[in-house]
Amino acid sequence: MNALPSDTLIADLKALILDAAEKDAPPGGLTDDEVLFGPDSRLALDSLDALQVSMAIQERFGVRMPDSKDTRRALSSVAHLAEFLRARRP
């Protein structure tokens, strides 16, 4: 993963999130720092979406995302998720 350029990783993660959650991109697309969960999210992702995204990340990148405060922080935005994956990729 470290070999992937940052822009490529971010684009891959945006596509993975939308696909796993079965959502369409919001108008203007996802921004890197956009909130993914909660009342401020344009995607309105919920806990089932978090599980689906976590499973897709494990399948695609080989990184398990246990239910923890760190995982919730990682899933707060695409940029945070990219940082989380770079730090934990085997």
N, C-alpha and C. Protein backbone atom coordinates (compact mmCIF):
# COMPACT_ATOMS: atom_id res chain seq x y z
N MET A 1 0.81 -1.19 0.00
CA MET A 1 0.00 0.00 0.00
C MET A 1 0.85 1.25 0.00
N ASN A 2 1.97 1.22 0.71
CA ASN A 2 2.82 2.39 0.74
C ASN A 2 3.28 2.79 -0.65
N ALA A 3 3.28 1.84 -1.60
CA ALA A 3 3.68 2.12 -2.96
C ALA A 3 2.60 2.87 -3.72
N LEU A 4 1.35 2.80 -3.25
CA LEU A 4 0.27 3.51 -3.92
C LEU A 4 0.40 5.01 -3.69
N PRO A 5 0.35 5.79 -4.75
CA PRO A 5 0.32 7.24 -4.54
C PRO A 5 -0.91 7.63 -3.72
N SER A 6 -0.77 8.66 -2.94
CA SER A 6 -1.85 9.10 -2.05
C SER A 6 -3.15 9.34 -2.81
N ASP A 7 -3.07 10.00 -3.96
CA ASP A 7 -4.29 10.28 -4.74
C ASP A 7 -4.96 9.00 -5.19
N THR A 8 -4.18 7.98 -5.55
CA THR A 8 -4.73 6.70 -5.98
C THR A 8 -5.42 6.00 -4.81
N LEU A 9 -4.78 6.00 -3.65
CA LEU A 9 -5.38 5.39 -2.46
C LEU A 9 -6.69 6.08 -2.11
N ILE A 10 -6.70 7.40 -2.11
CA ILE A 10 -7.90 8.16 -1.77
C ILE A 10 -9.02 7.83 -2.76
N ALA A 11 -8.72 7.80 -4.04
CA ALA A 11 -9.74 7.48 -5.05
C ALA A 11 -10.26 6.05 -4.85
N ASP A 12 -9.35 5.11 -4.58
CA ASP A 12 -9.75 3.72 -4.33
C ASP A 12 -10.67 3.63 -3.12
N LEU A 13 -10.33 4.35 -2.06
CA LEU A 13 -11.15 4.31 -0.84
C LEU A 13 -12.53 4.92 -1.06
N LYS A 14 -12.60 6.01 -1.80
CA LYS A 14 -13.90 6.62 -2.08
C LYS A 14 -14.79 5.64 -2.83
N ALA A 15 -14.24 4.98 -3.85
CA ALA A 15 -15.01 4.00 -4.63
C ALA A 15 -15.42 2.82 -3.76
N LEU A 16 -14.50 2.35 -2.91
CA LEU A 16 -14.78 1.21 -2.04
C LEU A 16 -15.90 1.55 -1.06
N ILE A 17 -15.86 2.72 -0.46
CA ILE A 17 -16.88 3.13 0.51
C ILE A 17 -18.26 3.20 -0.16
N LEU A 18 -18.32 3.85 -1.31
CA LEU A 18 -19.60 3.98 -2.01
C LEU A 18 -20.13 2.62 -2.44
N ASP A 19 -19.25 1.76 -2.93
CA ASP A 19 -19.66 0.43 -3.37
C ASP A 19 -20.12 -0.42 -2.18
N ALA A 20 -19.33 -0.46 -1.12
CA ALA A 20 -19.66 -1.29 0.04
C ALA A 20 -20.97 -0.84 0.70
N ALA A 21 -21.19 0.46 0.74
CA ALA A 21 -22.40 0.99 1.37
C ALA A 21 -23.58 1.08 0.39
N GLU A 22 -23.31 0.72 -0.87
CA GLU A 22 -24.33 0.78 -1.92
C GLU A 22 -24.98 2.16 -1.99
N LYS A 23 -24.12 3.18 -2.05
CA LYS A 23 -24.56 4.57 -2.13
C LYS A 23 -24.04 5.20 -3.42
N ASP A 24 -24.76 6.19 -3.89
CA ASP A 24 -24.29 7.00 -5.01
C ASP A 24 -23.45 8.13 -4.45
N ALA A 25 -22.50 8.59 -5.25
CA ALA A 25 -21.68 9.73 -4.83
C ALA A 25 -22.59 10.95 -4.66
N PRO A 26 -22.36 11.73 -3.61
CA PRO A 26 -23.16 12.93 -3.42
C PRO A 26 -22.80 13.96 -4.49
N PRO A 27 -23.65 14.95 -4.70
CA PRO A 27 -23.34 15.99 -5.69
C PRO A 27 -21.95 16.58 -5.44
N GLY A 28 -21.15 16.63 -6.49
CA GLY A 28 -19.79 17.15 -6.36
C GLY A 28 -18.79 16.11 -5.90
N GLY A 29 -19.26 14.89 -5.59
CA GLY A 29 -18.38 13.82 -5.15
C GLY A 29 -18.00 13.95 -3.68
N LEU A 30 -17.32 12.93 -3.20
CA LEU A 30 -16.83 12.93 -1.81
C LEU A 30 -15.56 13.75 -1.73
N THR A 31 -15.43 14.52 -0.68
CA THR A 31 -14.17 15.21 -0.42
C THR A 31 -13.33 14.35 0.51
N ASP A 32 -12.04 14.59 0.55
CA ASP A 32 -11.15 13.78 1.37
C ASP A 32 -11.48 13.87 2.85
N ASP A 33 -11.90 15.04 3.32
CA ASP A 33 -12.16 15.26 4.74
C ASP A 33 -13.64 15.27 5.09
N GLU A 34 -14.47 14.86 4.17
CA GLU A 34 -15.91 14.84 4.41
C GLU A 34 -16.29 13.84 5.50
N VAL A 35 -17.21 14.23 6.36
CA VAL A 35 -17.71 13.37 7.42
C VAL A 35 -18.50 12.23 6.78
N LEU A 36 -18.17 10.99 7.16
CA LEU A 36 -18.85 9.83 6.56
C LEU A 36 -20.04 9.34 7.37
N PHE A 37 -20.02 9.53 8.69
CA PHE A 37 -21.08 9.03 9.57
C PHE A 37 -21.62 10.18 10.41
N GLY A 38 -22.86 10.02 10.85
CA GLY A 38 -23.45 10.99 11.76
C GLY A 38 -24.33 12.00 11.05
N PRO A 39 -24.87 12.93 11.82
CA PRO A 39 -25.85 13.88 11.29
C PRO A 39 -25.28 14.83 10.23
N ASP A 40 -23.97 15.02 10.21
CA ASP A 40 -23.36 15.94 9.23
C ASP A 40 -22.96 15.24 7.94
N SER A 41 -23.19 13.94 7.85
CA SER A 41 -22.79 13.17 6.68
C SER A 41 -23.80 13.29 5.54
N ARG A 42 -23.32 13.62 4.34
CA ARG A 42 -24.21 13.65 3.18
C ARG A 42 -24.58 12.24 2.74
N LEU A 43 -23.76 11.24 3.10
CA LEU A 43 -24.05 9.86 2.73
C LEU A 43 -25.02 9.19 3.69
N ALA A 44 -25.14 9.73 4.90
CA ALA A 44 -26.02 9.17 5.94
C ALA A 44 -25.69 7.70 6.19
N LEU A 45 -24.40 7.39 6.35
CA LEU A 45 -23.99 6.02 6.64
C LEU A 45 -24.34 5.65 8.07
N ASP A 46 -24.68 4.37 8.27
CA ASP A 46 -25.04 3.90 9.61
C ASP A 46 -24.11 2.76 10.03
N SER A 47 -24.45 2.11 11.13
CA SER A 47 -23.57 1.06 11.67
C SER A 47 -23.47 -0.15 10.73
N LEU A 48 -24.54 -0.48 10.02
CA LEU A 48 -24.46 -1.57 9.04
C LEU A 48 -23.51 -1.20 7.91
N ASP A 49 -23.57 0.06 7.47
CA ASP A 49 -22.63 0.53 6.45
C ASP A 49 -21.19 0.44 6.96
N ALA A 50 -20.97 0.78 8.22
CA ALA A 50 -19.62 0.70 8.81
C ALA A 50 -19.11 -0.74 8.76
N LEU A 51 -19.98 -1.69 9.08
CA LEU A 51 -19.60 -3.10 9.02
C LEU A 51 -19.26 -3.51 7.60
N GLN A 52 -20.07 -3.11 6.64
CA GLN A 52 -19.83 -3.45 5.24
C GLN A 52 -18.54 -2.82 4.73
N VAL A 53 -18.28 -1.58 5.09
CA VAL A 53 -17.05 -0.90 4.69
C VAL A 53 -15.85 -1.59 5.34
N SER A 54 -15.96 -1.93 6.62
CA SER A 54 -14.87 -2.61 7.32
C SER A 54 -14.54 -3.95 6.66
N MET A 55 -15.57 -4.70 6.29
CA MET A 55 -15.35 -5.98 5.63
C MET A 55 -14.70 -5.80 4.26
N ALA A 56 -15.12 -4.79 3.53
CA ALA A 56 -14.54 -4.52 2.22
C ALA A 56 -13.07 -4.09 2.34
N ILE A 57 -12.76 -3.33 3.37
CA ILE A 57 -11.37 -2.91 3.61
C ILE A 57 -10.51 -4.12 3.93
N GLN A 58 -11.03 -5.02 4.77
CA GLN A 58 -10.27 -6.22 5.11
C GLN A 58 -10.02 -7.06 3.86
N GLU A 59 -11.05 -7.21 3.03
CA GLU A 59 -10.91 -8.01 1.81
C GLU A 59 -9.93 -7.36 0.83
N ARG A 60 -10.04 -6.06 0.62
CA ARG A 60 -9.24 -5.36 -0.39
C ARG A 60 -7.81 -5.11 0.07
N PHE A 61 -7.64 -4.70 1.34
CA PHE A 61 -6.32 -4.27 1.81
C PHE A 61 -5.68 -5.21 2.82
N GLY A 62 -6.42 -6.21 3.30
CA GLY A 62 -5.86 -7.14 4.26
C GLY A 62 -5.69 -6.57 5.65
N VAL A 63 -6.42 -5.52 5.96
CA VAL A 63 -6.34 -4.87 7.27
C VAL A 63 -7.66 -5.08 8.00
N ARG A 64 -7.58 -5.75 9.14
CA ARG A 64 -8.77 -5.99 9.96
C ARG A 64 -9.07 -4.74 10.76
N MET A 65 -10.35 -4.39 10.84
CA MET A 65 -10.76 -3.20 11.57
C MET A 65 -11.62 -3.61 12.75
N PRO A 66 -10.98 -3.86 13.91
CA PRO A 66 -11.76 -4.25 15.09
C PRO A 66 -12.63 -3.09 15.57
N ASP A 67 -13.69 -3.42 16.27
CA ASP A 67 -14.56 -2.38 16.81
C ASP A 67 -13.84 -1.68 17.95
N SER A 68 -13.38 -0.49 17.68
CA SER A 68 -12.65 0.27 18.69
C SER A 68 -12.78 1.76 18.39
N LYS A 69 -12.33 2.55 19.35
CA LYS A 69 -12.34 3.99 19.17
C LYS A 69 -11.46 4.39 17.99
N ASP A 70 -10.32 3.70 17.81
CA ASP A 70 -9.43 4.00 16.68
C ASP A 70 -10.11 3.73 15.35
N THR A 71 -10.88 2.66 15.27
CA THR A 71 -11.58 2.33 14.04
C THR A 71 -12.66 3.37 13.75
N ARG A 72 -13.39 3.77 14.76
CA ARG A 72 -14.42 4.81 14.55
C ARG A 72 -13.78 6.10 14.08
N ARG A 73 -12.62 6.44 14.62
CA ARG A 73 -11.91 7.63 14.19
C ARG A 73 -11.44 7.47 12.74
N ALA A 74 -10.94 6.27 12.41
CA ALA A 74 -10.45 6.01 11.04
C ALA A 74 -11.57 6.14 10.03
N LEU A 75 -12.77 5.71 10.40
CA LEU A 75 -13.89 5.77 9.47
C LEU A 75 -14.59 7.13 9.47
N SER A 76 -14.03 8.10 10.15
CA SER A 76 -14.68 9.41 10.19
C SER A 76 -14.56 10.16 8.88
N SER A 77 -13.52 9.88 8.09
CA SER A 77 -13.37 10.53 6.78
C SER A 77 -12.46 9.66 5.91
N VAL A 78 -12.46 9.93 4.63
CA VAL A 78 -11.60 9.20 3.70
C VAL A 78 -10.13 9.45 4.03
N ALA A 79 -9.79 10.68 4.35
CA ALA A 79 -8.40 11.01 4.68
C ALA A 79 -7.93 10.26 5.93
N HIS A 80 -8.78 10.20 6.95
CA HIS A 80 -8.42 9.45 8.18
C HIS A 80 -8.28 7.96 7.87
N LEU A 81 -9.15 7.44 7.01
CA LEU A 81 -9.08 6.03 6.66
C LEU A 81 -7.78 5.72 5.91
N ALA A 82 -7.38 6.59 5.02
CA ALA A 82 -6.13 6.39 4.28
C ALA A 82 -4.94 6.39 5.24
N GLU A 83 -4.94 7.30 6.19
CA GLU A 83 -3.87 7.38 7.18
C GLU A 83 -3.85 6.10 8.04
N PHE A 84 -5.01 5.64 8.46
CA PHE A 84 -5.14 4.42 9.26
C PHE A 84 -4.56 3.23 8.48
N LEU A 85 -4.92 3.10 7.22
CA LEU A 85 -4.46 1.98 6.42
C LEU A 85 -2.95 2.03 6.17
N ARG A 86 -2.42 3.19 5.91
CA ARG A 86 -0.98 3.32 5.70
C ARG A 86 -0.20 2.87 6.94
N ALA A 87 -0.74 3.15 8.11
CA ALA A 87 -0.05 2.81 9.35
C ALA A 87 -0.16 1.33 9.69
N ARG A 88 -1.18 0.64 9.16
CA ARG A 88 -1.42 -0.74 9.57
C ARG A 88 -1.29 -1.78 8.47
N ARG A 89 -1.05 -1.36 7.28
CA ARG A 89 -0.96 -2.30 6.16
C ARG A 89 0.21 -3.27 6.37
N PRO A 90 -0.07 -4.59 6.26
CA PRO A 90 1.02 -5.57 6.44
C PRO A 90 2.06 -5.45 5.34
